[in-house]
């Protein structure tokens, strides 16, 4: 396997856990890091007190490297980043905004910086500005998405940059990780697969909804207003899409309707009126099991797939 991401972060396997708002806490992050990946604590919607407490709790649960995700649309992002610089996790992923102004601050604290980017232009820019690696996310991902697919991004971003590239969006098993490595990526970021981990704090109703889902069960809301979010098809998401195409619906009304729906599903367990954010690769989500078992299975399948690929003749 490629060693660039492994060496950069000090992890065993080239696998990051996605920072999922209201879900990715210290317990999940520590479980991923203990199993050889890189766990990530999400700060989306959270306070500075929560952020500090979760970083400290994660240190009590693992002696392995872990990261923190910062959503740059958050009104308290400056305060969150100040706490992160004080606590000094191994790395930070930055998304949903311009990450460049925060590079110097994070690097001064000895923290590796991995911006989340959706296209070649931004990938080139963050490389010039000193990013340590990048997470390149395709529209197959759950949550907020861009407009390019993961395959199109792999074909276009990886040849254009020299820093380690972590691909995200639709990865859920070892075949996906193997494919990304063969394409030249240094690793992958996986979110949705960890939603059904035993250590994941998401509401049990969400886990059951994901296990029951089929491959065509995701839907994108907010596409017409420039705020695309992928999740499971349910009462809320179907009604939202219908409202998007209604002539009298305004952007403000739609955004107001969506506010709080992620927490409603993830925390409160309302999987019909809440937004169950999830990526497109749903069939690998077959049963609830420990993080360690998920990662061991992914790595075993990756090794088998790479070994088989070496025998292919063109």
C-alpha atoms as a PDB file:
ATOM      1  CA  UNK A   1       0.000   0.000   0.000  1.00  0.00           C
ATOM      2  CA  UNK A   2       1.086   3.569  -0.519  1.00  0.00           C
ATOM      3  CA  UNK A   3       2.925   5.001   2.476  1.00  0.00           C
ATOM      4  CA  UNK A   4       2.578   8.756   1.950  1.00  0.00           C
ATOM      5  CA  UNK A   5      -0.572   9.266   4.010  1.00  0.00           C
ATOM      6  CA  UNK A   6       0.514   6.643   6.522  1.00  0.00           C
ATOM      7  CA  UNK A   7       3.832   8.390   7.063  1.00  0.00           C
ATOM      8  CA  UNK A   8       2.293  11.872   7.128  1.00  0.00           C
ATOM      9  CA  UNK A   9      -0.218  11.083   9.871  1.00  0.00           C
ATOM     10  CA  UNK A  10       1.538   8.219  11.647  1.00  0.00           C
ATOM     11  CA  UNK A  11      -1.257   5.699  11.043  1.00  0.00           C
ATOM     12  CA  UNK A  12      -1.260   2.016  10.004  1.00  0.00           C
ATOM     13  CA  UNK A  13      -3.752   2.107   7.151  1.00  0.00           C
ATOM     14  CA  UNK A  14      -4.499   4.771   4.492  1.00  0.00           C
ATOM     15  CA  UNK A  15      -8.016   5.356   5.744  1.00  0.00           C
ATOM     16  CA  UNK A  16      -9.676   8.410   7.288  1.00  0.00           C
ATOM     17  CA  UNK A  17     -13.059   8.405   9.018  1.00  0.00           C
ATOM     18  CA  UNK A  18     -15.295  11.209   7.792  1.00  0.00           C
ATOM     19  CA  UNK A  19     -16.160  14.066  10.126  1.00  0.00           C
ATOM     20  CA  UNK A  20     -19.949  13.763  10.302  1.00  0.00           C
ATOM     21  CA  UNK A  21     -21.797  16.568  12.085  1.00  0.00           C
ATOM     22  CA  UNK A  22     -23.653  15.543  15.281  1.00  0.00           C
ATOM     23  CA  UNK A  23     -22.177  12.055  14.934  1.00  0.00           C
ATOM     24  CA  UNK A  24     -18.372  11.844  14.854  1.00  0.00           C
ATOM     25  CA  UNK A  25     -17.419  12.036  18.530  1.00  0.00           C
ATOM     26  CA  UNK A  26     -14.394  10.990  20.586  1.00  0.00           C
ATOM     27  CA  UNK A  27     -15.581   7.400  20.996  1.00  0.00           C
ATOM     28  CA  UNK A  28     -15.952   6.792  17.264  1.00  0.00           C
ATOM     29  CA  UNK A  29     -12.749   8.652  16.405  1.00  0.00           C
ATOM     30  CA  UNK A  30     -10.740   6.755  19.004  1.00  0.00           C
ATOM     31  CA  UNK A  31     -12.115   3.412  17.810  1.00  0.00           C
ATOM     32  CA  UNK A  32     -11.047   4.184  14.238  1.00  0.00           C
ATOM     33  CA  UNK A  33      -7.588   5.333  15.316  1.00  0.00           C
ATOM     34  CA  UNK A  34      -7.123   2.302  17.576  1.00  0.00           C
ATOM     35  CA  UNK A  35      -8.020   0.065  14.613  1.00  0.00           C
ATOM     36  CA  UNK A  36      -5.309   1.613  12.425  1.00  0.00           C
ATOM     37  CA  UNK A  37      -7.153   4.364  10.593  1.00  0.00           C
ATOM     38  CA  UNK A  38      -7.387   8.065  11.402  1.00  0.00           C
ATOM     39  CA  UNK A  39     -10.447   8.985  13.435  1.00  0.00           C
ATOM     40  CA  UNK A  40     -11.943  12.462  13.173  1.00  0.00           C
ATOM     41  CA  UNK A  41     -14.041  14.439  15.667  1.00  0.00           C
ATOM     42  CA  UNK A  42     -16.653  16.669  14.035  1.00  0.00           C
ATOM     43  CA  UNK A  43     -17.279  20.202  15.336  1.00  0.00           C
ATOM     44  CA  UNK A  44     -20.220  20.984  13.048  1.00  0.00           C
ATOM     45  CA  UNK A  45     -22.952  22.615  15.138  1.00  0.00           C
ATOM     46  CA  UNK A  46     -20.863  22.268  18.297  1.00  0.00           C
ATOM     47  CA  UNK A  47     -19.506  24.663  20.908  1.00  0.00           C
ATOM     48  CA  UNK A  48     -15.915  25.353  21.896  1.00  0.00           C
ATOM     49  CA  UNK A  49     -16.547  23.582  25.198  1.00  0.00           C
ATOM     50  CA  UNK A  50     -17.704  20.460  23.391  1.00  0.00           C
ATOM     51  CA  UNK A  51     -14.714  20.578  21.047  1.00  0.00           C
ATOM     52  CA  UNK A  52     -12.193  20.818  23.860  1.00  0.00           C
ATOM     53  CA  UNK A  53     -13.890  18.123  25.920  1.00  0.00           C
ATOM     54  CA  UNK A  54     -14.067  15.676  22.998  1.00  0.00           C
ATOM     55  CA  UNK A  55     -10.413  16.174  22.043  1.00  0.00           C
ATOM     56  CA  UNK A  56      -9.378  15.514  25.632  1.00  0.00           C
ATOM     57  CA  UNK A  57     -11.711  12.524  25.896  1.00  0.00           C
ATOM     58  CA  UNK A  58     -10.290  11.092  22.684  1.00  0.00           C
ATOM     59  CA  UNK A  59      -6.778  11.316  24.131  1.00  0.00           C
ATOM     60  CA  UNK A  60      -7.963   9.231  27.075  1.00  0.00           C
ATOM     61  CA  UNK A  61      -9.347   6.588  24.696  1.00  0.00           C
ATOM     62  CA  UNK A  62      -6.427   6.309  22.268  1.00  0.00           C
ATOM     63  CA  UNK A  63      -2.718   7.002  22.058  1.00  0.00           C
ATOM     64  CA  UNK A  64      -2.934   6.984  18.262  1.00  0.00           C
ATOM     65  CA  UNK A  65      -3.186  10.053  15.964  1.00  0.00           C
ATOM     66  CA  UNK A  66      -6.638  11.538  15.372  1.00  0.00           C
ATOM     67  CA  UNK A  67      -8.017  14.659  13.747  1.00  0.00           C
ATOM     68  CA  UNK A  68     -10.761  17.264  14.022  1.00  0.00           C
ATOM     69  CA  UNK A  69     -13.077  18.487  11.256  1.00  0.00           C
ATOM     70  CA  UNK A  70     -14.024  22.170  11.062  1.00  0.00           C
ATOM     71  CA  UNK A  71     -16.984  23.374   9.015  1.00  0.00           C
ATOM     72  CA  UNK A  72     -15.948  26.830   7.853  1.00  0.00           C
ATOM     73  CA  UNK A  73     -19.553  28.008   7.481  1.00  0.00           C
ATOM     74  CA  UNK A  74     -19.929  27.792  11.268  1.00  0.00           C
ATOM     75  CA  UNK A  75     -20.340  31.215  12.918  1.00  0.00           C
ATOM     76  CA  UNK A  76     -17.987  30.181  15.754  1.00  0.00           C
ATOM     77  CA  UNK A  77     -15.243  28.767  13.537  1.00  0.00           C
ATOM     78  CA  UNK A  78     -12.612  31.202  14.822  1.00  0.00           C
ATOM     79  CA  UNK A  79     -13.230  30.159  18.417  1.00  0.00           C
ATOM     80  CA  UNK A  80     -13.296  26.474  17.452  1.00  0.00           C
ATOM     81  CA  UNK A  81      -9.961  26.813  15.661  1.00  0.00           C
ATOM     82  CA  UNK A  82      -8.435  28.580  18.660  1.00  0.00           C
ATOM     83  CA  UNK A  83      -9.374  25.638  20.879  1.00  0.00           C
ATOM     84  CA  UNK A  84      -7.989  23.182  18.333  1.00  0.00           C
ATOM     85  CA  UNK A  85      -4.679  25.054  18.211  1.00  0.00           C
ATOM     86  CA  UNK A  86      -4.539  24.921  21.998  1.00  0.00           C
ATOM     87  CA  UNK A  87      -5.302  21.187  22.161  1.00  0.00           C
ATOM     88  CA  UNK A  88      -3.165  20.223  19.140  1.00  0.00           C
ATOM     89  CA  UNK A  89      -4.680  17.093  17.565  1.00  0.00           C
ATOM     90  CA  UNK A  90      -2.561  15.451  14.851  1.00  0.00           C
ATOM     91  CA  UNK A  91      -4.456  17.042  11.956  1.00  0.00           C
ATOM     92  CA  UNK A  92      -7.462  19.070  10.914  1.00  0.00           C
ATOM     93  CA  UNK A  93      -9.758  18.714   7.914  1.00  0.00           C
ATOM     94  CA  UNK A  94     -11.383  21.941   6.720  1.00  0.00           C
ATOM     95  CA  UNK A  95     -14.478  22.130   4.522  1.00  0.00           C
ATOM     96  CA  UNK A  96     -17.431  24.283   3.440  1.00  0.00           C
ATOM     97  CA  UNK A  97     -15.449  27.487   3.022  1.00  0.00           C
ATOM     98  CA  UNK A  98     -12.049  29.003   2.220  1.00  0.00           C
ATOM     99  CA  UNK A  99      -9.442  27.083   4.252  1.00  0.00           C
ATOM    100  CA  UNK A 100      -6.336  29.074   3.242  1.00  0.00           C
ATOM    101  CA  UNK A 101      -6.523  31.825   5.914  1.00  0.00           C
ATOM    102  CA  UNK A 102      -6.196  29.183   8.647  1.00  0.00           C
ATOM    103  CA  UNK A 103      -3.124  27.322   7.380  1.00  0.00           C
ATOM    104  CA  UNK A 104      -0.550  29.512   9.152  1.00  0.00           C
ATOM    105  CA  UNK A 105      -2.368  29.369  12.482  1.00  0.00           C
ATOM    106  CA  UNK A 106      -2.695  25.579  12.400  1.00  0.00           C
ATOM    107  CA  UNK A 107       0.847  24.954  11.201  1.00  0.00           C
ATOM    108  CA  UNK A 108       2.195  27.212  13.957  1.00  0.00           C
ATOM    109  CA  UNK A 109       0.494  24.889  16.438  1.00  0.00           C
ATOM    110  CA  UNK A 110       2.132  21.863  14.814  1.00  0.00           C
ATOM    111  CA  UNK A 111      -1.115  20.588  13.284  1.00  0.00           C
ATOM    112  CA  UNK A 112      -1.246  18.991   9.826  1.00  0.00           C
ATOM    113  CA  UNK A 113      -3.785  20.636   7.482  1.00  0.00           C
ATOM    114  CA  UNK A 114      -5.996  18.625   5.098  1.00  0.00           C
ATOM    115  CA  UNK A 115      -8.521  20.844   3.267  1.00  0.00           C
ATOM    116  CA  UNK A 116     -11.557  19.210   1.650  1.00  0.00           C
ATOM    117  CA  UNK A 117     -11.736  20.282  -2.005  1.00  0.00           C
ATOM    118  CA  UNK A 118     -14.252  19.635  -4.831  1.00  0.00           C
ATOM    119  CA  UNK A 119     -12.250  20.530  -7.941  1.00  0.00           C
ATOM    120  CA  UNK A 120      -8.819  20.948  -9.565  1.00  0.00           C
ATOM    121  CA  UNK A 121      -8.705  24.737  -9.155  1.00  0.00           C
ATOM    122  CA  UNK A 122      -9.006  24.626  -5.379  1.00  0.00           C
ATOM    123  CA  UNK A 123      -6.678  21.614  -5.154  1.00  0.00           C
ATOM    124  CA  UNK A 124      -3.945  23.565  -6.924  1.00  0.00           C
ATOM    125  CA  UNK A 125      -4.541  26.621  -4.767  1.00  0.00           C
ATOM    126  CA  UNK A 126      -4.310  24.856  -1.405  1.00  0.00           C
ATOM    127  CA  UNK A 127      -1.195  23.022  -2.551  1.00  0.00           C
ATOM    128  CA  UNK A 128       0.472  26.357  -3.390  1.00  0.00           C
ATOM    129  CA  UNK A 129      -0.536  27.710   0.005  1.00  0.00           C
ATOM    130  CA  UNK A 130       1.057  24.834   1.899  1.00  0.00           C
ATOM    131  CA  UNK A 131      -1.594  22.193   2.623  1.00  0.00           C
ATOM    132  CA  UNK A 132      -0.066  18.949   3.911  1.00  0.00           C
ATOM    133  CA  UNK A 133      -2.541  16.788   1.984  1.00  0.00           C
ATOM    134  CA  UNK A 134      -6.016  17.186   0.497  1.00  0.00           C
ATOM    135  CA  UNK A 135      -9.312  15.354   0.793  1.00  0.00           C
ATOM    136  CA  UNK A 136     -10.970  15.359  -2.637  1.00  0.00           C
ATOM    137  CA  UNK A 137     -14.678  14.634  -2.295  1.00  0.00           C
ATOM    138  CA  UNK A 138     -17.010  13.470  -5.045  1.00  0.00           C
ATOM    139  CA  UNK A 139     -20.746  13.962  -5.234  1.00  0.00           C
ATOM    140  CA  UNK A 140     -21.391  10.345  -4.201  1.00  0.00           C
ATOM    141  CA  UNK A 141     -20.665  11.373  -0.615  1.00  0.00           C
ATOM    142  CA  UNK A 142     -23.263  11.936   2.062  1.00  0.00           C
ATOM    143  CA  UNK A 143     -23.964  15.426   3.359  1.00  0.00           C
ATOM    144  CA  UNK A 144     -22.900  18.568   1.497  1.00  0.00           C
ATOM    145  CA  UNK A 145     -21.611  17.717  -1.976  1.00  0.00           C
ATOM    146  CA  UNK A 146     -20.137  19.279  -5.104  1.00  0.00           C
ATOM    147  CA  UNK A 147     -20.958  18.597  -8.745  1.00  0.00           C
ATOM    148  CA  UNK A 148     -18.201  16.213  -9.894  1.00  0.00           C
ATOM    149  CA  UNK A 149     -18.114  12.463  -9.396  1.00  0.00           C
ATOM    150  CA  UNK A 150     -15.354  10.718  -7.486  1.00  0.00           C
ATOM    151  CA  UNK A 151     -14.039   8.987 -10.620  1.00  0.00           C
ATOM    152  CA  UNK A 152     -13.911  12.239 -12.579  1.00  0.00           C
ATOM    153  CA  UNK A 153     -12.062  13.897  -9.710  1.00  0.00           C
ATOM    154  CA  UNK A 154      -9.545  11.065  -9.449  1.00  0.00           C
ATOM    155  CA  UNK A 155      -8.797  11.277 -13.151  1.00  0.00           C
ATOM    156  CA  UNK A 156      -8.389  15.048 -13.061  1.00  0.00           C
ATOM    157  CA  UNK A 157      -7.077  16.085  -9.627  1.00  0.00           C
ATOM    158  CA  UNK A 158      -4.492  13.390  -8.846  1.00  0.00           C
ATOM    159  CA  UNK A 159      -2.270  14.123 -11.899  1.00  0.00           C
ATOM    160  CA  UNK A 160      -2.361  17.878 -11.187  1.00  0.00           C
ATOM    161  CA  UNK A 161      -0.971  17.931  -7.637  1.00  0.00           C
ATOM    162  CA  UNK A 162       2.069  16.462  -5.916  1.00  0.00           C
ATOM    163  CA  UNK A 163       0.837  16.336  -2.333  1.00  0.00           C
ATOM    164  CA  UNK A 164      -0.976  13.267  -0.905  1.00  0.00           C
ATOM    165  CA  UNK A 165      -4.568  12.957  -2.128  1.00  0.00           C
ATOM    166  CA  UNK A 166      -7.260  11.330   0.006  1.00  0.00           C
ATOM    167  CA  UNK A 167     -10.325  10.474  -2.080  1.00  0.00           C
ATOM    168  CA  UNK A 168     -13.818  10.639  -0.582  1.00  0.00           C
ATOM    169  CA  UNK A 169     -17.339  10.009  -1.812  1.00  0.00           C
ATOM    170  CA  UNK A 170     -18.863   6.567  -2.216  1.00  0.00           C
ATOM    171  CA  UNK A 171     -16.112   4.505  -0.573  1.00  0.00           C
ATOM    172  CA  UNK A 172     -17.359   1.728   1.660  1.00  0.00           C
ATOM    173  CA  UNK A 173     -15.237  -1.390   1.087  1.00  0.00           C
ATOM    174  CA  UNK A 174     -11.782  -2.655   0.203  1.00  0.00           C
ATOM    175  CA  UNK A 175     -12.410  -2.714  -3.523  1.00  0.00           C
ATOM    176  CA  UNK A 176     -13.001   1.026  -3.419  1.00  0.00           C
ATOM    177  CA  UNK A 177      -9.834   1.649  -1.438  1.00  0.00           C
ATOM    178  CA  UNK A 178      -7.862  -0.548  -3.846  1.00  0.00           C
ATOM    179  CA  UNK A 179      -9.269   1.326  -6.842  1.00  0.00           C
ATOM    180  CA  UNK A 180      -8.302   4.679  -5.346  1.00  0.00           C
ATOM    181  CA  UNK A 181      -4.765   3.482  -4.604  1.00  0.00           C
ATOM    182  CA  UNK A 182      -4.396   2.143  -8.147  1.00  0.00           C
ATOM    183  CA  UNK A 183      -5.539   5.524  -9.470  1.00  0.00           C
ATOM    184  CA  UNK A 184      -2.733   7.212  -7.541  1.00  0.00           C
ATOM    185  CA  UNK A 185      -4.536   8.337  -4.388  1.00  0.00           C
ATOM    186  CA  UNK A 186      -2.758   8.016  -1.047  1.00  0.00           C
ATOM    187  CA  UNK A 187      -5.876   6.811   0.745  1.00  0.00           C
ATOM    188  CA  UNK A 188      -9.615   7.268   1.149  1.00  0.00           C
ATOM    189  CA  UNK A 189     -12.023   8.872   3.577  1.00  0.00           C
ATOM    190  CA  UNK A 190     -15.038   6.794   4.596  1.00  0.00           C
ATOM    191  CA  UNK A 191     -18.065   8.168   6.420  1.00  0.00           C
ATOM    192  CA  UNK A 192     -21.328   6.323   5.813  1.00  0.00           C
ATOM    193  CA  UNK A 193     -19.895   2.848   6.456  1.00  0.00           C
ATOM    194  CA  UNK A 194     -18.989   3.884  10.001  1.00  0.00           C
ATOM    195  CA  UNK A 195     -22.549   4.999  10.743  1.00  0.00           C
ATOM    196  CA  UNK A 196     -23.439   1.381  11.449  1.00  0.00           C
ATOM    197  CA  UNK A 197     -20.436   0.744  13.686  1.00  0.00           C
ATOM    198  CA  UNK A 198     -21.149  -0.300  17.259  1.00  0.00           C
ATOM    199  CA  UNK A 199     -19.172   2.678  18.524  1.00  0.00           C
ATOM    200  CA  UNK A 200     -21.045   5.203  16.374  1.00  0.00           C
ATOM    201  CA  UNK A 201     -23.420   7.331  18.516  1.00  0.00           C
ATOM    202  CA  UNK A 202     -25.938   7.973  15.731  1.00  0.00           C
ATOM    203  CA  UNK A 203     -29.498   7.038  16.694  1.00  0.00           C
ATOM    204  CA  UNK A 204     -30.356   3.318  16.252  1.00  0.00           C
ATOM    205  CA  UNK A 205     -33.205   4.290  13.914  1.00  0.00           C
ATOM    206  CA  UNK A 206     -30.635   5.716  11.491  1.00  0.00           C
ATOM    207  CA  UNK A 207     -28.566   2.545  11.618  1.00  0.00           C
ATOM    208  CA  UNK A 208     -31.615   0.432  10.843  1.00  0.00           C
ATOM    209  CA  UNK A 209     -32.675   2.760   8.023  1.00  0.00           C
ATOM    210  CA  UNK A 210     -29.233   2.400   6.427  1.00  0.00           C
ATOM    211  CA  UNK A 211     -29.142  -1.384   6.774  1.00  0.00           C
ATOM    212  CA  UNK A 212     -32.540  -1.614   5.065  1.00  0.00           C
ATOM    213  CA  UNK A 213     -31.573   0.781   2.236  1.00  0.00           C
ATOM    214  CA  UNK A 214     -30.917  -0.332  -1.333  1.00  0.00           C
ATOM    215  CA  UNK A 215     -28.498   1.121  -3.844  1.00  0.00           C
ATOM    216  CA  UNK A 216     -30.943   3.676  -5.278  1.00  0.00           C
ATOM    217  CA  UNK A 217     -32.157   5.044  -1.950  1.00  0.00           C
ATOM    218  CA  UNK A 218     -30.231   8.324  -1.790  1.00  0.00           C
ATOM    219  CA  UNK A 219     -31.555  11.661  -2.993  1.00  0.00           C
ATOM    220  CA  UNK A 220     -29.990  15.114  -3.350  1.00  0.00           C
ATOM    221  CA  UNK A 221     -31.778  18.065  -1.785  1.00  0.00           C
ATOM    222  CA  UNK A 222     -30.893  21.735  -2.242  1.00  0.00           C
ATOM    223  CA  UNK A 223     -29.395  21.290  -5.700  1.00  0.00           C
ATOM    224  CA  UNK A 224     -31.415  24.135  -7.223  1.00  0.00           C
ATOM    225  CA  UNK A 225     -30.368  26.625  -4.536  1.00  0.00           C
ATOM    226  CA  UNK A 226     -26.647  25.864  -4.497  1.00  0.00           C
ATOM    227  CA  UNK A 227     -26.728  23.933  -1.219  1.00  0.00           C
ATOM    228  CA  UNK A 228     -26.747  20.306  -2.359  1.00  0.00           C
ATOM    229  CA  UNK A 229     -26.961  17.659   0.367  1.00  0.00           C
ATOM    230  CA  UNK A 230     -27.162  13.909  -0.209  1.00  0.00           C
ATOM    231  CA  UNK A 231     -29.206  11.720   2.114  1.00  0.00           C
ATOM    232  CA  UNK A 232     -31.654   8.849   2.303  1.00  0.00           C
ATOM    233  CA  UNK A 233     -34.949   9.185   0.476  1.00  0.00           C
ATOM    234  CA  UNK A 234     -37.695   9.745   3.039  1.00  0.00           C
ATOM    235  CA  UNK A 235     -40.695  11.972   3.776  1.00  0.00           C
ATOM    236  CA  UNK A 236     -38.591  15.072   4.428  1.00  0.00           C
ATOM    237  CA  UNK A 237     -36.234  14.749   1.463  1.00  0.00           C
ATOM    238  CA  UNK A 238     -38.986  14.010  -1.064  1.00  0.00           C
ATOM    239  CA  UNK A 239     -41.128  16.893   0.183  1.00  0.00           C
ATOM    240  CA  UNK A 240     -38.111  19.204   0.108  1.00  0.00           C
ATOM    241  CA  UNK A 241     -37.277  18.357  -3.506  1.00  0.00           C
ATOM    242  CA  UNK A 242     -40.908  18.925  -4.468  1.00  0.00           C
ATOM    243  CA  UNK A 243     -40.803  22.351  -2.806  1.00  0.00           C
ATOM    244  CA  UNK A 244     -37.571  23.183  -4.643  1.00  0.00           C
ATOM    245  CA  UNK A 245     -39.413  22.909  -7.932  1.00  0.00           C
ATOM    246  CA  UNK A 246     -42.476  24.807  -6.778  1.00  0.00           C
ATOM    247  CA  UNK A 247     -42.620  28.242  -8.368  1.00  0.00           C
ATOM    248  CA  UNK A 248     -43.406  30.112  -5.153  1.00  0.00           C
ATOM    249  CA  UNK A 249     -40.632  28.620  -2.963  1.00  0.00           C
ATOM    250  CA  UNK A 250     -37.774  30.960  -2.047  1.00  0.00           C
ATOM    251  CA  UNK A 251     -34.205  30.036  -1.147  1.00  0.00           C
ATOM    252  CA  UNK A 252     -34.673  31.467   2.336  1.00  0.00           C
ATOM    253  CA  UNK A 253     -37.774  29.355   2.951  1.00  0.00           C
ATOM    254  CA  UNK A 254     -36.019  26.211   1.787  1.00  0.00           C
ATOM    255  CA  UNK A 255     -32.955  26.818   3.922  1.00  0.00           C
ATOM    256  CA  UNK A 256     -35.168  27.455   6.927  1.00  0.00           C
ATOM    257  CA  UNK A 257     -37.009  24.190   6.302  1.00  0.00           C
ATOM    258  CA  UNK A 258     -33.715  22.276   6.190  1.00  0.00           C
ATOM    259  CA  UNK A 259     -32.232  23.830   9.327  1.00  0.00           C
ATOM    260  CA  UNK A 260     -31.974  21.329  12.171  1.00  0.00           C
ATOM    261  CA  UNK A 261     -33.056  18.316  10.147  1.00  0.00           C
ATOM    262  CA  UNK A 262     -29.640  16.598  10.322  1.00  0.00           C
ATOM    263  CA  UNK A 263     -29.741  16.644  14.127  1.00  0.00           C
ATOM    264  CA  UNK A 264     -33.412  15.617  14.079  1.00  0.00           C
ATOM    265  CA  UNK A 265     -32.443  12.359  12.391  1.00  0.00           C
ATOM    266  CA  UNK A 266     -28.968  11.707  13.817  1.00  0.00           C
ATOM    267  CA  UNK A 267     -29.687  12.580  17.446  1.00  0.00           C
ATOM    268  CA  UNK A 268     -33.465  12.343  17.874  1.00  0.00           C
ATOM    269  CA  UNK A 269     -33.972   9.379  15.551  1.00  0.00           C
ATOM    270  CA  UNK A 270     -36.729  10.851  13.390  1.00  0.00           C
ATOM    271  CA  UNK A 271     -35.785   9.177  10.112  1.00  0.00           C
ATOM    272  CA  UNK A 272     -38.864  10.402   8.251  1.00  0.00           C
ATOM    273  CA  UNK A 273     -38.902  14.118   9.100  1.00  0.00           C
ATOM    274  CA  UNK A 274     -35.136  14.470   9.538  1.00  0.00           C
ATOM    275  CA  UNK A 275     -32.376  14.420   6.918  1.00  0.00           C
ATOM    276  CA  UNK A 276     -30.546  11.099   7.101  1.00  0.00           C
ATOM    277  CA  UNK A 277     -27.282  12.133   5.465  1.00  0.00           C
ATOM    278  CA  UNK A 278     -25.593   9.220   3.703  1.00  0.00           C
ATOM    279  CA  UNK A 279     -23.520   8.446   0.635  1.00  0.00           C
ATOM    280  CA  UNK A 280     -24.461   6.337  -2.357  1.00  0.00           C
ATOM    281  CA  UNK A 281     -22.623   3.111  -1.435  1.00  0.00           C
ATOM    282  CA  UNK A 282     -25.307   1.569   0.740  1.00  0.00           C
ATOM    283  CA  UNK A 283     -25.291  -2.170   0.043  1.00  0.00           C
ATOM    284  CA  UNK A 284     -22.038  -2.806   1.987  1.00  0.00           C
ATOM    285  CA  UNK A 285     -23.905  -1.602   5.087  1.00  0.00           C
ATOM    286  CA  UNK A 286     -25.290  -4.992   6.071  1.00  0.00           C
ATOM    287  CA  UNK A 287     -24.860  -5.298   9.840  1.00  0.00           C
ATOM    288  CA  UNK A 288     -23.830  -3.461  12.979  1.00  0.00           C
ATOM    289  CA  UNK A 289     -20.309  -4.475  14.018  1.00  0.00           C
ATOM    290  CA  UNK A 290     -17.283  -3.011  15.811  1.00  0.00           C
ATOM    291  CA  UNK A 291     -15.118  -0.435  14.043  1.00  0.00           C
ATOM    292  CA  UNK A 292     -12.164  -2.823  14.249  1.00  0.00           C
ATOM    293  CA  UNK A 293     -14.085  -5.500  12.334  1.00  0.00           C
ATOM    294  CA  UNK A 294     -15.116  -2.989   9.654  1.00  0.00           C
ATOM    295  CA  UNK A 295     -11.551  -1.788   9.134  1.00  0.00           C
ATOM    296  CA  UNK A 296     -10.042  -5.279   9.224  1.00  0.00           C
ATOM    297  CA  UNK A 297     -12.523  -6.372   6.556  1.00  0.00           C
ATOM    298  CA  UNK A 298     -11.791  -3.347   4.368  1.00  0.00           C
ATOM    299  CA  UNK A 299      -8.022  -3.843   4.575  1.00  0.00           C
ATOM    300  CA  UNK A 300      -8.235  -7.595   3.911  1.00  0.00           C
ATOM    301  CA  UNK A 301     -10.395  -6.969   0.848  1.00  0.00           C
ATOM    302  CA  UNK A 302      -8.050  -4.208  -0.319  1.00  0.00           C
ATOM    303  CA  UNK A 303      -5.047  -6.521  -0.180  1.00  0.00           C
ATOM    304  CA  UNK A 304      -6.916  -9.268  -2.025  1.00  0.00           C
ATOM    305  CA  UNK A 305      -8.089  -6.859  -4.714  1.00  0.00           C
ATOM    306  CA  UNK A 306      -4.622  -5.385  -5.244  1.00  0.00           C
ATOM    307  CA  UNK A 307      -3.140  -8.873  -5.503  1.00  0.00           C
ATOM    308  CA  UNK A 308      -5.740  -9.806  -8.119  1.00  0.00           C
ATOM    309  CA  UNK A 309      -5.124  -6.585 -10.039  1.00  0.00           C
ATOM    310  CA  UNK A 310      -1.473  -7.480 -10.452  1.00  0.00           C
ATOM    311  CA  UNK A 311      -2.520 -10.506 -12.507  1.00  0.00           C
ATOM    312  CA  UNK A 312      -4.621  -8.513 -14.996  1.00  0.00           C
ATOM    313  CA  UNK A 313      -3.154  -8.253 -18.473  1.00  0.00           C
ATOM    314  CA  UNK A 314      -4.077  -5.508 -20.899  1.00  0.00           C
END
